[in-house]
């Protein structure tokens, strides 16, 4: 019985880790696309137009889509 529960917990953990890896890979692809996109002539290098985030998590969600 305990082995069965441990197997289920292991499978759930593996599924969760797999989903996290997929999301990280998607975010990396999105970041690469944004970095390789040509800048419009009027846009300055390194200028961002983001409002002040309340925390690092909000910043990452808005900036990188995580």
Protein backbone atom coordinates (compact mmCIF):
# COMPACT_ATOMS: atom_id res chain seq x y z
CA UNK A 1 0.00 0.00 0.00
CA UNK A 2 2.76 2.48 0.93
CA UNK A 3 4.64 1.68 -2.27
CA UNK A 4 1.55 2.45 -4.34
CA UNK A 5 1.17 5.87 -2.68
CA UNK A 6 4.85 6.62 -3.18
CA UNK A 7 4.54 5.74 -6.87
CA UNK A 8 1.55 8.08 -7.27
CA UNK A 9 3.36 10.89 -5.47
CA UNK A 10 6.41 10.36 -7.69
CA UNK A 11 4.30 10.46 -10.85
CA UNK A 12 2.55 13.66 -9.73
CA UNK A 13 5.90 15.24 -8.95
CA UNK A 14 7.30 14.27 -12.35
CA UNK A 15 4.23 15.73 -14.08
CA UNK A 16 4.55 19.01 -12.19
CA UNK A 17 8.26 19.27 -12.98
CA UNK A 18 7.53 18.57 -16.64
CA UNK A 19 4.96 21.37 -16.79
CA UNK A 20 7.41 23.76 -15.15
CA UNK A 21 10.10 22.87 -17.68
CA UNK A 22 7.66 23.48 -20.54
CA UNK A 23 6.74 26.91 -19.15
CA UNK A 24 10.41 27.83 -18.69
CA UNK A 25 11.17 26.75 -22.26
CA UNK A 26 8.23 28.80 -23.59
CA UNK A 27 9.41 31.85 -21.64
CA UNK A 28 12.95 31.39 -22.99
CA UNK A 29 11.67 31.22 -26.57
CA UNK A 30 9.57 34.32 -26.04
CA UNK A 31 12.57 36.19 -24.59
CA UNK A 32 14.74 35.16 -27.55
CA UNK A 33 12.09 36.44 -29.97
CA UNK A 34 11.89 39.76 -28.15
CA UNK A 35 15.68 40.14 -28.09
CA UNK A 36 16.04 39.38 -31.79
CA UNK A 37 13.21 41.68 -32.86
CA UNK A 38 14.47 44.81 -34.65
CA UNK A 39 13.92 48.07 -32.75
CA UNK A 40 11.80 50.82 -34.32
CA UNK A 41 13.81 53.92 -35.21
CA UNK A 42 12.16 56.14 -32.58
CA UNK A 43 12.70 53.70 -29.70
CA UNK A 44 15.76 54.18 -27.50
CA UNK A 45 17.94 51.27 -26.42
CA UNK A 46 17.15 49.96 -22.94
CA UNK A 47 14.06 52.11 -22.41
CA UNK A 48 11.12 50.39 -20.75
CA UNK A 49 7.63 51.70 -20.23
CA UNK A 50 6.60 49.47 -17.32
CA UNK A 51 4.75 50.80 -14.30
CA UNK A 52 6.41 50.27 -10.93
CA UNK A 53 5.70 46.62 -9.93
CA UNK A 54 4.81 45.76 -6.36
CA UNK A 55 7.28 42.88 -6.20
CA UNK A 56 9.76 40.79 -8.15
CA UNK A 57 7.09 38.20 -9.01
CA UNK A 58 4.87 40.85 -10.59
CA UNK A 59 7.87 42.23 -12.45
CA UNK A 60 8.78 38.82 -13.88
CA UNK A 61 5.18 38.11 -14.89
CA UNK A 62 4.83 41.42 -16.74
CA UNK A 63 8.29 41.48 -18.25
CA UNK A 64 8.84 37.82 -19.16
CA UNK A 65 5.36 36.31 -19.14
CA UNK A 66 6.11 33.87 -16.35
